[in-house]
Amino acid sequence: MTGPSKHGKRRLIPSSMPAFDFPEEAVQVYALNDRMNQVLLEHLDPRAWRSKSPGQKGRTLADIFAHVHNIRCKWLRLSASHLKPPARLDRSRCTQKQAQAALAESADRCSQMLAEVLSAPQSRVQGFVRDGWARPWPPGVAMFAYMITHDAHHRGQACMLAHQLGFPLTGQAAYGLWVWEKLAKECGFQLVAYGKAKRPASGRSNPKSK
């Protein structure tokens, strides 16, 4: 099998490579992205939920996660109202458990929106509207990337704030975010290499060989 290279020439593609299904993989990755949010919420110390750093006027952890959910609701309302956006969270009253449930619901609805946009040639989603002041984008890859980046930005804020409050995330919450194979399995799919791919040499010496 061949495919075009960046120079216009044909290049060989391994015949053992499975068919690439971008819409399906994008929706799976979005689910994995929300699984990261759930891991953080599962491991955050409840004492940090509404705390603020001394002298700081920024958002609390409750504010951050409520914002992520509420922004998703806005995207759905402005871009795909036929999917019936879930109820918004009250950041001043919501609990960690309520935030977990709400984020799971909005992630599921956003996954439906992405699946429709990336798979259906005649999608009811005519444009991606980030906010009432923003001009619509053509629905597609940029929309997917923006949605993922927004979540990642606020996850970083949450991790930093928890550390500043004296409740740093450790173990599964800290390092588990990067074990995508495990997160994918928890979401119901697998990240599998095609063919008989081998792990590249790490460049590290083997202590047993000395």
C-alpha atoms as a PDB file:
ATOM      1  CA  MET A   1       0.000   0.000   0.000  1.00  0.00           C
ATOM      2  CA  THR A   2       1.260   3.496  -0.772  1.00  0.00           C
ATOM      3  CA  GLY A   3       0.457   7.007   0.323  1.00  0.00           C
ATOM      4  CA  PRO A   4       1.588  10.537  -0.533  1.00  0.00           C
ATOM      5  CA  SER A   5       4.582  12.071   1.205  1.00  0.00           C
ATOM      6  CA  LYS A   6       4.989  15.745   2.011  1.00  0.00           C
ATOM      7  CA  HIS A   7       7.112  16.099  -1.156  1.00  0.00           C
ATOM      8  CA  GLY A   8       4.414  14.672  -3.404  1.00  0.00           C
ATOM      9  CA  LYS A   9       6.155  11.328  -3.919  1.00  0.00           C
ATOM     10  CA  ARG A  10       4.631   7.990  -3.003  1.00  0.00           C
ATOM     11  CA  ARG A  11       5.786   6.254   0.153  1.00  0.00           C
ATOM     12  CA  LEU A  12       5.221   2.752   1.420  1.00  0.00           C
ATOM     13  CA  ILE A  13       2.759   2.139   4.250  1.00  0.00           C
ATOM     14  CA  PRO A  14       3.111  -1.181   6.123  1.00  0.00           C
ATOM     15  CA  SER A  15       0.412  -3.605   5.007  1.00  0.00           C
ATOM     16  CA  SER A  16       0.045  -4.714   8.631  1.00  0.00           C
ATOM     17  CA  MET A  17      -1.211  -1.274   9.685  1.00  0.00           C
ATOM     18  CA  PRO A  18      -4.933  -1.330  10.560  1.00  0.00           C
ATOM     19  CA  ALA A  19      -7.310   1.044   8.817  1.00  0.00           C
ATOM     20  CA  PHE A  20      -7.145   4.479  10.415  1.00  0.00           C
ATOM     21  CA  ASP A  21     -10.559   5.623  11.664  1.00  0.00           C
ATOM     22  CA  PHE A  22     -10.064   9.222  12.787  1.00  0.00           C
ATOM     23  CA  PRO A  23     -13.683   9.880  13.911  1.00  0.00           C
ATOM     24  CA  GLU A  24     -13.710   6.808  16.155  1.00  0.00           C
ATOM     25  CA  GLU A  25     -10.262   7.498  17.594  1.00  0.00           C
ATOM     26  CA  ALA A  26     -11.078  11.173  18.214  1.00  0.00           C
ATOM     27  CA  VAL A  27     -14.165  10.257  20.210  1.00  0.00           C
ATOM     28  CA  GLN A  28     -12.166   7.670  22.162  1.00  0.00           C
ATOM     29  CA  VAL A  29      -9.457  10.214  22.959  1.00  0.00           C
ATOM     30  CA  TYR A  30     -12.073  12.697  24.139  1.00  0.00           C
ATOM     31  CA  ALA A  31     -13.395  10.027  26.519  1.00  0.00           C
ATOM     32  CA  LEU A  32      -9.833   9.390  27.730  1.00  0.00           C
ATOM     33  CA  ASN A  33      -9.448  13.134  28.234  1.00  0.00           C
ATOM     34  CA  ASP A  34     -12.446  13.212  30.561  1.00  0.00           C
ATOM     35  CA  ARG A  35     -11.205  10.121  32.373  1.00  0.00           C
ATOM     36  CA  MET A  36      -8.240  12.281  33.428  1.00  0.00           C
ATOM     37  CA  ASN A  37     -10.676  14.776  34.963  1.00  0.00           C
ATOM     38  CA  GLN A  38     -12.400  11.953  36.811  1.00  0.00           C
ATOM     39  CA  VAL A  39      -9.093  10.634  38.171  1.00  0.00           C
ATOM     40  CA  LEU A  40      -8.270  14.072  39.584  1.00  0.00           C
ATOM     41  CA  LEU A  41     -11.681  14.403  41.201  1.00  0.00           C
ATOM     42  CA  GLU A  42     -11.418  10.904  42.684  1.00  0.00           C
ATOM     43  CA  HIS A  43      -8.124  11.755  44.375  1.00  0.00           C
ATOM     44  CA  LEU A  44      -8.485  15.415  45.357  1.00  0.00           C
ATOM     45  CA  ASP A  45      -8.524  15.946  49.109  1.00  0.00           C
ATOM     46  CA  PRO A  46     -12.034  17.229  49.994  1.00  0.00           C
ATOM     47  CA  ARG A  47     -10.452  19.858  52.246  1.00  0.00           C
ATOM     48  CA  ALA A  48      -9.021  21.557  49.170  1.00  0.00           C
ATOM     49  CA  TRP A  49     -12.325  21.748  47.262  1.00  0.00           C
ATOM     50  CA  ARG A  50     -13.273  25.296  48.297  1.00  0.00           C
ATOM     51  CA  SER A  51      -9.968  26.524  49.699  1.00  0.00           C
ATOM     52  CA  LYS A  52      -7.977  29.425  48.289  1.00  0.00           C
ATOM     53  CA  SER A  53      -4.283  30.138  48.479  1.00  0.00           C
ATOM     54  CA  PRO A  54      -3.472  32.801  51.087  1.00  0.00           C
ATOM     55  CA  GLY A  55      -3.798  36.256  49.554  1.00  0.00           C
ATOM     56  CA  GLN A  56      -5.137  34.907  46.263  1.00  0.00           C
ATOM     57  CA  LYS A  57      -8.449  35.895  44.674  1.00  0.00           C
ATOM     58  CA  GLY A  58      -8.461  33.256  41.966  1.00  0.00           C
ATOM     59  CA  ARG A  59     -10.779  30.327  41.382  1.00  0.00           C
ATOM     60  CA  THR A  60     -11.236  27.465  43.791  1.00  0.00           C
ATOM     61  CA  LEU A  61     -11.072  23.861  42.617  1.00  0.00           C
ATOM     62  CA  ALA A  62     -14.866  23.826  42.696  1.00  0.00           C
ATOM     63  CA  ASP A  63     -14.878  26.889  40.442  1.00  0.00           C
ATOM     64  CA  ILE A  64     -12.458  25.289  37.979  1.00  0.00           C
ATOM     65  CA  PHE A  65     -14.331  22.021  37.488  1.00  0.00           C
ATOM     66  CA  ALA A  66     -17.727  23.731  37.414  1.00  0.00           C
ATOM     67  CA  HIS A  67     -16.354  26.046  34.722  1.00  0.00           C
ATOM     68  CA  VAL A  68     -15.152  23.120  32.586  1.00  0.00           C
ATOM     69  CA  HIS A  69     -18.600  21.534  32.724  1.00  0.00           C
ATOM     70  CA  ASN A  70     -20.484  24.785  32.169  1.00  0.00           C
ATOM     71  CA  ILE A  71     -18.366  25.718  29.153  1.00  0.00           C
ATOM     72  CA  ARG A  72     -19.144  22.339  27.621  1.00  0.00           C
ATOM     73  CA  CYS A  73     -22.818  23.052  28.189  1.00  0.00           C
ATOM     74  CA  LYS A  74     -22.376  26.375  26.379  1.00  0.00           C
ATOM     75  CA  TRP A  75     -20.697  24.681  23.409  1.00  0.00           C
ATOM     76  CA  LEU A  76     -23.564  22.221  23.182  1.00  0.00           C
ATOM     77  CA  ARG A  77     -26.224  24.908  23.530  1.00  0.00           C
ATOM     78  CA  LEU A  78     -24.667  27.131  20.864  1.00  0.00           C
ATOM     79  CA  SER A  79     -23.417  24.442  18.486  1.00  0.00           C
ATOM     80  CA  ALA A  80     -25.635  21.356  18.954  1.00  0.00           C
ATOM     81  CA  SER A  81     -28.797  22.293  20.830  1.00  0.00           C
ATOM     82  CA  HIS A  82     -30.556  19.190  19.450  1.00  0.00           C
ATOM     83  CA  LEU A  83     -28.415  17.131  21.859  1.00  0.00           C
ATOM     84  CA  LYS A  84     -30.078  18.795  24.876  1.00  0.00           C
ATOM     85  CA  PRO A  85     -27.224  20.162  26.994  1.00  0.00           C
ATOM     86  CA  PRO A  86     -27.159  18.916  30.618  1.00  0.00           C
ATOM     87  CA  ALA A  87     -27.902  21.154  33.583  1.00  0.00           C
ATOM     88  CA  ARG A  88     -25.196  23.613  34.559  1.00  0.00           C
ATOM     89  CA  LEU A  89     -23.329  23.383  37.863  1.00  0.00           C
ATOM     90  CA  ASP A  90     -23.588  26.006  40.597  1.00  0.00           C
ATOM     91  CA  ARG A  91     -19.943  26.542  41.416  1.00  0.00           C
ATOM     92  CA  SER A  92     -20.762  27.963  44.850  1.00  0.00           C
ATOM     93  CA  ARG A  93     -22.677  24.864  45.945  1.00  0.00           C
ATOM     94  CA  CYS A  94     -21.611  21.822  43.921  1.00  0.00           C
ATOM     95  CA  THR A  95     -19.757  18.961  45.595  1.00  0.00           C
ATOM     96  CA  GLN A  96     -16.941  16.855  44.152  1.00  0.00           C
ATOM     97  CA  LYS A  97     -19.370  13.992  43.549  1.00  0.00           C
ATOM     98  CA  GLN A  98     -21.772  16.290  41.724  1.00  0.00           C
ATOM     99  CA  ALA A  99     -18.919  17.646  39.621  1.00  0.00           C
ATOM    100  CA  GLN A 100     -17.874  14.097  38.704  1.00  0.00           C
ATOM    101  CA  ALA A 101     -21.383  13.169  37.608  1.00  0.00           C
ATOM    102  CA  ALA A 102     -21.890  16.415  35.695  1.00  0.00           C
ATOM    103  CA  LEU A 103     -18.584  16.147  33.848  1.00  0.00           C
ATOM    104  CA  ALA A 104     -19.319  12.556  32.889  1.00  0.00           C
ATOM    105  CA  GLU A 105     -22.656  13.672  31.436  1.00  0.00           C
ATOM    106  CA  SER A 106     -21.293  16.659  29.541  1.00  0.00           C
ATOM    107  CA  ALA A 107     -18.384  14.566  28.216  1.00  0.00           C
ATOM    108  CA  ASP A 108     -20.834  11.983  26.904  1.00  0.00           C
ATOM    109  CA  ARG A 109     -22.906  14.682  25.181  1.00  0.00           C
ATOM    110  CA  CYS A 110     -19.790  16.334  23.714  1.00  0.00           C
ATOM    111  CA  SER A 111     -18.646  12.932  22.456  1.00  0.00           C
ATOM    112  CA  GLN A 112     -21.974  12.603  20.654  1.00  0.00           C
ATOM    113  CA  MET A 113     -21.436  16.027  19.094  1.00  0.00           C
ATOM    114  CA  LEU A 114     -17.924  15.096  17.944  1.00  0.00           C
ATOM    115  CA  ALA A 115     -19.086  11.753  16.554  1.00  0.00           C
ATOM    116  CA  GLU A 116     -21.792  13.505  14.565  1.00  0.00           C
ATOM    117  CA  VAL A 117     -19.455  16.186  13.246  1.00  0.00           C
ATOM    118  CA  LEU A 118     -16.622  13.835  12.272  1.00  0.00           C
ATOM    119  CA  SER A 119     -18.702  10.948  10.910  1.00  0.00           C
ATOM    120  CA  ALA A 120     -21.887  12.322   9.385  1.00  0.00           C
ATOM    121  CA  PRO A 121     -21.568  14.139   6.034  1.00  0.00           C
ATOM    122  CA  GLN A 122     -24.816  16.024   6.728  1.00  0.00           C
ATOM    123  CA  SER A 123     -24.357  16.827  10.404  1.00  0.00           C
ATOM    124  CA  ARG A 124     -26.863  19.029  12.210  1.00  0.00           C
ATOM    125  CA  VAL A 125     -23.871  20.767  13.761  1.00  0.00           C
ATOM    126  CA  GLN A 126     -23.318  23.536  11.228  1.00  0.00           C
ATOM    127  CA  GLY A 127     -20.568  25.321  13.151  1.00  0.00           C
ATOM    128  CA  PHE A 128     -18.636  25.290  16.401  1.00  0.00           C
ATOM    129  CA  VAL A 129     -19.470  28.343  18.519  1.00  0.00           C
ATOM    130  CA  ARG A 130     -17.190  28.795  21.527  1.00  0.00           C
ATOM    131  CA  ASP A 131     -19.134  31.707  23.021  1.00  0.00           C
ATOM    132  CA  GLY A 132     -21.838  34.193  22.164  1.00  0.00           C
ATOM    133  CA  TRP A 133     -19.231  36.756  21.080  1.00  0.00           C
ATOM    134  CA  ALA A 134     -17.244  34.337  18.921  1.00  0.00           C
ATOM    135  CA  ARG A 135     -17.663  33.712  15.213  1.00  0.00           C
ATOM    136  CA  PRO A 136     -18.538  30.105  14.317  1.00  0.00           C
ATOM    137  CA  TRP A 137     -15.771  27.770  13.177  1.00  0.00           C
ATOM    138  CA  PRO A 138     -16.336  25.038  10.614  1.00  0.00           C
ATOM    139  CA  PRO A 139     -16.941  21.907  12.705  1.00  0.00           C
ATOM    140  CA  GLY A 140     -14.018  19.508  12.537  1.00  0.00           C
ATOM    141  CA  VAL A 141     -10.453  18.949  13.713  1.00  0.00           C
ATOM    142  CA  ALA A 142      -9.858  22.467  15.101  1.00  0.00           C
ATOM    143  CA  MET A 143     -13.030  22.117  17.166  1.00  0.00           C
ATOM    144  CA  PHE A 144     -11.821  18.788  18.573  1.00  0.00           C
ATOM    145  CA  ALA A 145      -8.380  20.220  19.399  1.00  0.00           C
ATOM    146  CA  TYR A 146      -9.876  23.297  21.101  1.00  0.00           C
ATOM    147  CA  MET A 147     -12.152  21.171  23.300  1.00  0.00           C
ATOM    148  CA  ILE A 148      -9.257  18.945  24.399  1.00  0.00           C
ATOM    149  CA  THR A 149      -6.945  21.911  25.014  1.00  0.00           C
ATOM    150  CA  HIS A 150      -9.515  23.694  27.173  1.00  0.00           C
ATOM    151  CA  ASP A 151      -9.826  20.699  29.490  1.00  0.00           C
ATOM    152  CA  ALA A 152      -6.050  20.228  29.658  1.00  0.00           C
ATOM    153  CA  HIS A 153      -5.472  23.895  30.543  1.00  0.00           C
ATOM    154  CA  HIS A 154      -7.832  23.743  33.496  1.00  0.00           C
ATOM    155  CA  ARG A 155      -6.521  20.354  34.662  1.00  0.00           C
ATOM    156  CA  GLY A 156      -3.135  22.013  34.932  1.00  0.00           C
ATOM    157  CA  GLN A 157      -4.647  24.826  36.974  1.00  0.00           C
ATOM    158  CA  ALA A 158      -6.306  22.322  39.298  1.00  0.00           C
ATOM    159  CA  CYS A 159      -3.079  20.368  39.850  1.00  0.00           C
ATOM    160  CA  MET A 160      -1.129  23.543  40.572  1.00  0.00           C
ATOM    161  CA  LEU A 161      -3.765  24.904  42.950  1.00  0.00           C
ATOM    162  CA  ALA A 162      -3.972  21.630  44.889  1.00  0.00           C
ATOM    163  CA  HIS A 163      -0.186  21.767  45.313  1.00  0.00           C
ATOM    164  CA  GLN A 164      -0.296  25.409  46.465  1.00  0.00           C
ATOM    165  CA  LEU A 165      -2.977  24.554  49.020  1.00  0.00           C
ATOM    166  CA  GLY A 166      -0.786  21.854  50.551  1.00  0.00           C
ATOM    167  CA  PHE A 167      -2.689  18.911  49.081  1.00  0.00           C
ATOM    168  CA  PRO A 168      -0.414  17.823  46.200  1.00  0.00           C
ATOM    169  CA  LEU A 169      -1.637  15.074  43.940  1.00  0.00           C
ATOM    170  CA  THR A 170       0.488  11.942  44.213  1.00  0.00           C
ATOM    171  CA  GLY A 171       0.479   8.368  42.995  1.00  0.00           C
ATOM    172  CA  GLN A 172      -2.372   7.487  40.647  1.00  0.00           C
ATOM    173  CA  ALA A 173      -3.612  11.072  40.446  1.00  0.00           C
ATOM    174  CA  ALA A 174      -0.206  12.485  39.516  1.00  0.00           C
ATOM    175  CA  TYR A 175       1.460   9.778  37.436  1.00  0.00           C
ATOM    176  CA  GLY A 176      -1.619   7.840  36.403  1.00  0.00           C
ATOM    177  CA  LEU A 177      -2.648  10.690  34.120  1.00  0.00           C
ATOM    178  CA  TRP A 178       0.171   9.654  31.790  1.00  0.00           C
ATOM    179  CA  VAL A 179      -0.566   5.931  31.734  1.00  0.00           C
ATOM    180  CA  TRP A 180      -2.830   6.230  28.728  1.00  0.00           C
ATOM    181  CA  GLU A 181      -2.961   2.478  28.172  1.00  0.00           C
ATOM    182  CA  LYS A 182      -4.665   2.042  31.554  1.00  0.00           C
ATOM    183  CA  LEU A 183      -6.934   5.064  31.098  1.00  0.00           C
ATOM    184  CA  ALA A 184      -7.986   3.821  27.665  1.00  0.00           C
ATOM    185  CA  LYS A 185      -8.816   0.388  29.070  1.00  0.00           C
ATOM    186  CA  GLU A 186     -10.936   2.025  31.778  1.00  0.00           C
ATOM    187  CA  CYS A 187     -12.793   3.837  28.981  1.00  0.00           C
ATOM    188  CA  GLY A 188     -13.474   0.569  27.169  1.00  0.00           C
ATOM    189  CA  PHE A 189     -10.896   0.581  24.377  1.00  0.00           C
ATOM    190  CA  GLN A 190      -7.216  -0.236  23.886  1.00  0.00           C
ATOM    191  CA  LEU A 191      -4.196   1.554  22.498  1.00  0.00           C
ATOM    192  CA  VAL A 192      -2.577  -1.240  20.492  1.00  0.00           C
ATOM    193  CA  ALA A 193       0.487  -1.017  18.255  1.00  0.00           C
ATOM    194  CA  TYR A 194       0.113  -2.468  14.769  1.00  0.00           C
ATOM    195  CA  GLY A 195       2.147  -5.452  13.625  1.00  0.00           C
ATOM    196  CA  LYS A 196       4.967  -6.629  15.836  1.00  0.00           C
ATOM    197  CA  ALA A 197       6.188  -3.242  16.959  1.00  0.00           C
ATOM    198  CA  LYS A 198       9.080  -3.349  19.385  1.00  0.00           C
ATOM    199  CA  ARG A 199       9.871  -0.929  22.160  1.00  0.00           C
ATOM    200  CA  PRO A 200      12.779   1.321  21.125  1.00  0.00           C
ATOM    201  CA  ALA A 201      16.016   1.183  23.080  1.00  0.00           C
ATOM    202  CA  SER A 202      15.862   3.612  25.977  1.00  0.00           C
ATOM    203  CA  GLY A 203      19.570   4.325  26.022  1.00  0.00           C
ATOM    204  CA  ARG A 204      19.734   3.311  29.670  1.00  0.00           C
ATOM    205  CA  SER A 205      22.146   0.659  30.810  1.00  0.00           C
ATOM    206  CA  ASN A 206      20.869  -2.511  32.394  1.00  0.00           C
ATOM    207  CA  PRO A 207      22.076  -2.672  36.027  1.00  0.00           C
ATOM    208  CA  LYS A 208      22.085  -6.481  35.863  1.00  0.00           C
ATOM    209  CA  SER A 209      24.560  -6.454  33.005  1.00  0.00           C
ATOM    210  CA  LYS A 210      27.245  -4.720  35.073  1.00  0.00           C
END
